[in-house]
Amino acid sequence: MAVASVSKITAASPKGFEDAVRDGVARAGKTLRGITGVHLLDQKAHVENGTITEYRVTLEVTFLLDS
């Protein structure tokens, strides 16, 4: 029987939302083993002087627990 856990993380990128998601999953993969999915919860952007300078995402990362 497999048992999974979910961890909430926040990631950011100056390039775009998709890069922020990819960077977040890649970074989570350095600590969490057995990642099986990701759920995008929220997207935000930081604006300075009328220009977006950083794209931010909040993710739930699902991973299998070791047996």
PDB file of N, CA and C in Angstrom:
ATOM      1  N   MET A   1       0.850  -1.180   0.000  1.00  0.00           N
ATOM      2  CA  MET A   1       0.000   0.000   0.000  1.00  0.00           C
ATOM      3  C   MET A   1       0.889   1.235   0.000  1.00  0.00           C
ATOM      4  N   ALA A   2       0.606   2.169  -0.895  1.00  0.00           N
ATOM      5  CA  ALA A   2       1.365   3.419  -0.982  1.00  0.00           C
ATOM      6  C   ALA A   2       0.691   4.490  -0.129  1.00  0.00           C
ATOM      7  N   VAL A   3       1.513   5.289   0.521  1.00  0.00           N
ATOM      8  CA  VAL A   3       1.032   6.421   1.312  1.00  0.00           C
ATOM      9  C   VAL A   3       1.761   7.663   0.813  1.00  0.00           C
ATOM     10  N   ALA A   4       0.999   8.716   0.552  1.00  0.00           N
ATOM     11  CA  ALA A   4       1.571   9.956   0.031  1.00  0.00           C
ATOM     12  C   ALA A   4       1.431  11.078   1.043  1.00  0.00           C
ATOM     13  N   SER A   5       2.258  12.076   0.883  1.00  0.00           N
ATOM     14  CA  SER A   5       2.192  13.282   1.696  1.00  0.00           C
ATOM     15  C   SER A   5       2.197  14.483   0.757  1.00  0.00           C
ATOM     16  N   VAL A   6       1.740  15.626   1.262  1.00  0.00           N
ATOM     17  CA  VAL A   6       1.694  16.854   0.474  1.00  0.00           C
ATOM     18  C   VAL A   6       2.451  17.938   1.229  1.00  0.00           C
ATOM     19  N   SER A   7       3.306  18.646   0.515  1.00  0.00           N
ATOM     20  CA  SER A   7       4.062  19.747   1.099  1.00  0.00           C
ATOM     21  C   SER A   7       3.765  21.016   0.308  1.00  0.00           C
ATOM     22  N   LYS A   8       3.518  22.113   0.996  1.00  0.00           N
ATOM     23  CA  LYS A   8       3.238  23.392   0.323  1.00  0.00           C
ATOM     24  C   LYS A   8       4.536  24.182   0.224  1.00  0.00           C
ATOM     25  N   ILE A   9       4.837  24.671  -0.982  1.00  0.00           N
ATOM     26  CA  ILE A   9       6.044  25.464  -1.194  1.00  0.00           C
ATOM     27  C   ILE A   9       5.710  26.716  -2.001  1.00  0.00           C
ATOM     28  N   THR A  10       6.588  27.691  -1.915  1.00  0.00           N
ATOM     29  CA  THR A  10       6.488  28.908  -2.721  1.00  0.00           C
ATOM     30  C   THR A  10       7.779  29.037  -3.515  1.00  0.00           C
ATOM     31  N   ALA A  11       7.656  29.404  -4.788  1.00  0.00           N
ATOM     32  CA  ALA A  11       8.828  29.576  -5.645  1.00  0.00           C
ATOM     33  C   ALA A  11       8.661  30.854  -6.452  1.00  0.00           C
ATOM     34  N   ALA A  12       9.790  31.391  -6.925  1.00  0.00           N
ATOM     35  CA  ALA A  12       9.752  32.641  -7.683  1.00  0.00           C
ATOM     36  C   ALA A  12      10.730  32.582  -8.852  1.00  0.00           C
ATOM     37  N   SER A  13      10.441  33.375  -9.875  1.00  0.00           N
ATOM     38  CA  SER A  13      11.307  33.479 -11.042  1.00  0.00           C
ATOM     39  C   SER A  13      11.134  34.864 -11.662  1.00  0.00           C
ATOM     40  N   PRO A  14      12.209  35.433 -12.192  1.00  0.00           N
ATOM     41  CA  PRO A  14      12.073  36.704 -12.907  1.00  0.00           C
ATOM     42  C   PRO A  14      11.558  36.513 -14.329  1.00  0.00           C
ATOM     43  N   LYS A  15      11.495  35.248 -14.815  1.00  0.00           N
ATOM     44  CA  LYS A  15      11.130  34.973 -16.210  1.00  0.00           C
ATOM     45  C   LYS A  15       9.638  34.788 -16.439  1.00  0.00           C
ATOM     46  N   GLY A  16       8.934  34.100 -15.513  1.00  0.00           N
ATOM     47  CA  GLY A  16       7.516  33.857 -15.713  1.00  0.00           C
ATOM     48  C   GLY A  16       6.979  32.812 -14.753  1.00  0.00           C
ATOM     49  N   PHE A  17       5.654  32.637 -14.768  1.00  0.00           N
ATOM     50  CA  PHE A  17       5.009  31.686 -13.869  1.00  0.00           C
ATOM     51  C   PHE A  17       5.453  30.253 -14.142  1.00  0.00           C
ATOM     52  N   GLU A  18       5.548  29.882 -15.420  1.00  0.00           N
ATOM     53  CA  GLU A  18       5.942  28.515 -15.755  1.00  0.00           C
ATOM     54  C   GLU A  18       7.349  28.204 -15.237  1.00  0.00           C
ATOM     55  N   ASP A  19       8.258  29.148 -15.364  1.00  0.00           N
ATOM     56  CA  ASP A  19       9.603  28.950 -14.825  1.00  0.00           C
ATOM     57  C   ASP A  19       9.579  28.830 -13.308  1.00  0.00           C
ATOM     58  N   ALA A  20       8.740  29.609 -12.654  1.00  0.00           N
ATOM     59  CA  ALA A  20       8.633  29.524 -11.195  1.00  0.00           C
ATOM     60  C   ALA A  20       8.163  28.136 -10.769  1.00  0.00           C
ATOM     61  N   VAL A  21       7.187  27.571 -11.491  1.00  0.00           N
ATOM     62  CA  VAL A  21       6.708  26.220 -11.180  1.00  0.00           C
ATOM     63  C   VAL A  21       7.831  25.211 -11.397  1.00  0.00           C
ATOM     64  N   ARG A  22       8.501  25.291 -12.532  1.00  0.00           N
ATOM     65  CA  ARG A  22       9.593  24.347 -12.828  1.00  0.00           C
ATOM     66  C   ARG A  22      10.711  24.455 -11.800  1.00  0.00           C
ATOM     67  N   ASP A  23      11.090  25.671 -11.444  1.00  0.00           N
ATOM     68  CA  ASP A  23      12.147  25.866 -10.451  1.00  0.00           C
ATOM     69  C   ASP A  23      11.725  25.315  -9.088  1.00  0.00           C
ATOM     70  N   GLY A  24      10.465  25.525  -8.722  1.00  0.00           N
ATOM     71  CA  GLY A  24       9.967  25.025  -7.443  1.00  0.00           C
ATOM     72  C   GLY A  24       9.981  23.513  -7.372  1.00  0.00           C
ATOM     73  N   VAL A  25       9.533  22.857  -8.435  1.00  0.00           N
ATOM     74  CA  VAL A  25       9.518  21.390  -8.469  1.00  0.00           C
ATOM     75  C   VAL A  25      10.951  20.850  -8.479  1.00  0.00           C
ATOM     76  N   ALA A  26      11.829  21.483  -9.246  1.00  0.00           N
ATOM     77  CA  ALA A  26      13.225  21.043  -9.293  1.00  0.00           C
ATOM     78  C   ALA A  26      13.882  21.168  -7.922  1.00  0.00           C
ATOM     79  N   ARG A  27      13.621  22.271  -7.248  1.00  0.00           N
ATOM     80  CA  ARG A  27      14.209  22.464  -5.919  1.00  0.00           C
ATOM     81  C   ARG A  27      13.621  21.483  -4.913  1.00  0.00           C
ATOM     82  N   ALA A  28      12.312  21.257  -4.960  1.00  0.00           N
ATOM     83  CA  ALA A  28      11.678  20.292  -4.050  1.00  0.00           C
ATOM     84  C   ALA A  28      12.261  18.901  -4.271  1.00  0.00           C
ATOM     85  N   GLY A  29      12.586  18.577  -5.530  1.00  0.00           N
ATOM     86  CA  GLY A  29      13.142  17.272  -5.852  1.00  0.00           C
ATOM     87  C   GLY A  29      14.513  17.026  -5.255  1.00  0.00           C
ATOM     88  N   LYS A  30      15.195  18.075  -4.829  1.00  0.00           N
ATOM     89  CA  LYS A  30      16.490  17.910  -4.163  1.00  0.00           C
ATOM     90  C   LYS A  30      16.319  17.418  -2.727  1.00  0.00           C
ATOM     91  N   THR A  31      15.146  17.642  -2.159  1.00  0.00           N
ATOM     92  CA  THR A  31      14.884  17.259  -0.771  1.00  0.00           C
ATOM     93  C   THR A  31      13.878  16.116  -0.670  1.00  0.00           C
ATOM     94  N   LEU A  32      12.862  16.140  -1.516  1.00  0.00           N
ATOM     95  CA  LEU A  32      11.786  15.145  -1.462  1.00  0.00           C
ATOM     96  C   LEU A  32      12.003  14.077  -2.528  1.00  0.00           C
ATOM     97  N   ARG A  33      11.861  12.813  -2.133  1.00  0.00           N
ATOM     98  CA  ARG A  33      11.950  11.711  -3.089  1.00  0.00           C
ATOM     99  C   ARG A  33      10.540  11.276  -3.471  1.00  0.00           C
ATOM    100  N   GLY A  34      10.384  10.748  -4.660  1.00  0.00           N
ATOM    101  CA  GLY A  34       9.117  10.162  -5.076  1.00  0.00           C
ATOM    102  C   GLY A  34       8.017  11.159  -5.372  1.00  0.00           C
ATOM    103  N   ILE A  35       8.360  12.322  -5.917  1.00  0.00           N
ATOM    104  CA  ILE A  35       7.340  13.311  -6.276  1.00  0.00           C
ATOM    105  C   ILE A  35       6.468  12.732  -7.390  1.00  0.00           C
ATOM    106  N   THR A  36       5.157  12.786  -7.182  1.00  0.00           N
ATOM    107  CA  THR A  36       4.216  12.229  -8.162  1.00  0.00           C
ATOM    108  C   THR A  36       3.314  13.279  -8.795  1.00  0.00           C
ATOM    109  N   GLY A  37       3.274  14.475  -8.225  1.00  0.00           N
ATOM    110  CA  GLY A  37       2.395  15.488  -8.788  1.00  0.00           C
ATOM    111  C   GLY A  37       2.570  16.837  -8.125  1.00  0.00           C
ATOM    112  N   VAL A  38       1.994  17.846  -8.768  1.00  0.00           N
ATOM    113  CA  VAL A  38       2.042  19.203  -8.252  1.00  0.00           C
ATOM    114  C   VAL A  38       0.702  19.874  -8.543  1.00  0.00           C
ATOM    115  N   HIS A  39       0.229  20.658  -7.583  1.00  0.00           N
ATOM    116  CA  HIS A  39      -1.023  21.390  -7.723  1.00  0.00           C
ATOM    117  C   HIS A  39      -0.710  22.869  -7.545  1.00  0.00           C
ATOM    118  N   LEU A  40      -0.994  23.666  -8.555  1.00  0.00           N
ATOM    119  CA  LEU A  40      -0.767  25.107  -8.506  1.00  0.00           C
ATOM    120  C   LEU A  40      -1.899  25.755  -7.719  1.00  0.00           C
ATOM    121  N   LEU A  41      -1.571  26.336  -6.584  1.00  0.00           N
ATOM    122  CA  LEU A  41      -2.585  26.943  -5.720  1.00  0.00           C
ATOM    123  C   LEU A  41      -2.786  28.431  -5.993  1.00  0.00           C
ATOM    124  N   ASP A  42      -1.682  29.141  -6.292  1.00  0.00           N
ATOM    125  CA  ASP A  42      -1.786  30.593  -6.394  1.00  0.00           C
ATOM    126  C   ASP A  42      -0.670  31.143  -7.283  1.00  0.00           C
ATOM    127  N   GLN A  43      -0.960  32.229  -7.955  1.00  0.00           N
ATOM    128  CA  GLN A  43       0.022  32.956  -8.758  1.00  0.00           C
ATOM    129  C   GLN A  43      -0.034  34.424  -8.358  1.00  0.00           C
ATOM    130  N   LYS A  44       1.136  35.007  -8.157  1.00  0.00           N
ATOM    131  CA  LYS A  44       1.227  36.430  -7.828  1.00  0.00           C
ATOM    132  C   LYS A  44       2.428  37.001  -8.562  1.00  0.00           C
ATOM    133  N   ALA A  45       2.456  38.297  -8.721  1.00  0.00           N
ATOM    134  CA  ALA A  45       3.605  38.951  -9.337  1.00  0.00           C
ATOM    135  C   ALA A  45       3.987  40.175  -8.509  1.00  0.00           C
ATOM    136  N   HIS A  46       5.292  40.393  -8.405  1.00  0.00           N
ATOM    137  CA  HIS A  46       5.811  41.575  -7.724  1.00  0.00           C
ATOM    138  C   HIS A  46       6.052  42.641  -8.782  1.00  0.00           C
ATOM    139  N   VAL A  47       5.566  43.858  -8.529  1.00  0.00           N
ATOM    140  CA  VAL A  47       5.666  44.950  -9.500  1.00  0.00           C
ATOM    141  C   VAL A  47       6.472  46.094  -8.904  1.00  0.00           C
ATOM    142  N   GLU A  48       7.409  46.596  -9.718  1.00  0.00           N
ATOM    143  CA  GLU A  48       8.174  47.792  -9.335  1.00  0.00           C
ATOM    144  C   GLU A  48       8.117  48.782 -10.493  1.00  0.00           C
ATOM    145  N   ASN A  49       7.711  49.986 -10.203  1.00  0.00           N
ATOM    146  CA  ASN A  49       7.638  51.051 -11.220  1.00  0.00           C
ATOM    147  C   ASN A  49       6.839  50.623 -12.452  1.00  0.00           C
ATOM    148  N   GLY A  50       5.738  49.917 -12.212  1.00  0.00           N
ATOM    149  CA  GLY A  50       4.854  49.521 -13.291  1.00  0.00           C
ATOM    150  C   GLY A  50       5.310  48.314 -14.109  1.00  0.00           C
ATOM    151  N   THR A  51       6.380  47.663 -13.675  1.00  0.00           N
ATOM    152  CA  THR A  51       6.908  46.512 -14.397  1.00  0.00           C
ATOM    153  C   THR A  51       6.968  45.297 -13.477  1.00  0.00           C
ATOM    154  N   ILE A  52       6.563  44.137 -13.994  1.00  0.00           N
ATOM    155  CA  ILE A  52       6.663  42.902 -13.218  1.00  0.00           C
ATOM    156  C   ILE A  52       8.134  42.527 -13.112  1.00  0.00           C
ATOM    157  N   THR A  53       8.600  42.374 -11.874  1.00  0.00           N
ATOM    158  CA  THR A  53      10.003  42.026 -11.640  1.00  0.00           C
ATOM    159  C   THR A  53      10.177  40.595 -11.153  1.00  0.00           C
ATOM    160  N   GLU A  54       9.097  39.996 -10.643  1.00  0.00           N
ATOM    161  CA  GLU A  54       9.195  38.627 -10.142  1.00  0.00           C
ATOM    162  C   GLU A  54       7.822  37.959 -10.186  1.00  0.00           C
ATOM    163  N   TYR A  55       7.812  36.727 -10.682  1.00  0.00           N
ATOM    164  CA  TYR A  55       6.600  35.915 -10.731  1.00  0.00           C
ATOM    165  C   TYR A  55       6.677  34.903  -9.602  1.00  0.00           C
ATOM    166  N   ARG A  56       5.604  34.794  -8.807  1.00  0.00           N
ATOM    167  CA  ARG A  56       5.603  33.917  -7.637  1.00  0.00           C
ATOM    168  C   ARG A  56       4.453  32.920  -7.727  1.00  0.00           C
ATOM    169  N   VAL A  57       4.726  31.690  -7.314  1.00  0.00           N
ATOM    170  CA  VAL A  57       3.696  30.648  -7.294  1.00  0.00           C
ATOM    171  C   VAL A  57       3.715  29.937  -5.945  1.00  0.00           C
ATOM    172  N   THR A  58       2.547  29.467  -5.547  1.00  0.00           N
ATOM    173  CA  THR A  58       2.419  28.611  -4.380  1.00  0.00           C
ATOM    174  C   THR A  58       1.938  27.260  -4.887  1.00  0.00           C
ATOM    175  N   LEU A  59       2.655  26.217  -4.504  1.00  0.00           N
ATOM    176  CA  LEU A  59       2.401  24.867  -5.000  1.00  0.00           C
ATOM    177  C   LEU A  59       2.188  23.889  -3.859  1.00  0.00           C
ATOM    178  N   GLU A  60       1.393  22.859  -4.119  1.00  0.00           N
ATOM    179  CA  GLU A  60       1.348  21.674  -3.258  1.00  0.00           C
ATOM    180  C   GLU A  60       2.038  20.560  -4.029  1.00  0.00           C
ATOM    181  N   VAL A  61       3.088  20.021  -3.450  1.00  0.00           N
ATOM    182  CA  VAL A  61       3.855  18.953  -4.068  1.00  0.00           C
ATOM    183  C   VAL A  61       3.481  17.644  -3.379  1.00  0.00           C
ATOM    184  N   THR A  62       3.017  16.670  -4.160  1.00  0.00           N
ATOM    185  CA  THR A  62       2.655  15.351  -3.618  1.00  0.00           C
ATOM    186  C   THR A  62       3.808  14.392  -3.853  1.00  0.00           C
ATOM    187  N   PHE A  63       4.153  13.637  -2.799  1.00  0.00           N
ATOM    188  CA  PHE A  63       5.247  12.670  -2.899  1.00  0.00           C
ATOM    189  C   PHE A  63       4.930  11.437  -2.080  1.00  0.00           C
ATOM    190  N   LEU A  64       5.452  10.299  -2.522  1.00  0.00           N
ATOM    191  CA  LEU A  64       5.225   9.034  -1.828  1.00  0.00           C
ATOM    192  C   LEU A  64       6.175   8.904  -0.652  1.00  0.00           C
ATOM    193  N   LEU A  65       5.657   8.399   0.452  1.00  0.00           N
ATOM    194  CA  LEU A  65       6.486   8.157   1.627  1.00  0.00           C
ATOM    195  C   LEU A  65       7.215   6.831   1.441  1.00  0.00           C
ATOM    196  N   ASP A  66       8.442   6.762   1.944  1.00  0.00           N
ATOM    197  CA  ASP A  66       9.201   5.519   1.870  1.00  0.00           C
ATOM    198  C   ASP A  66       8.506   4.432   2.675  1.00  0.00           C
ATOM    199  N   SER A  67       8.640   3.206   2.186  1.00  0.00           N
ATOM    200  CA  SER A  67       8.031   2.051   2.881  1.00  0.00           C
ATOM    201  C   SER A  67       8.769   1.725   4.141  1.00  0.00           C
TER     202      SER A  67
END
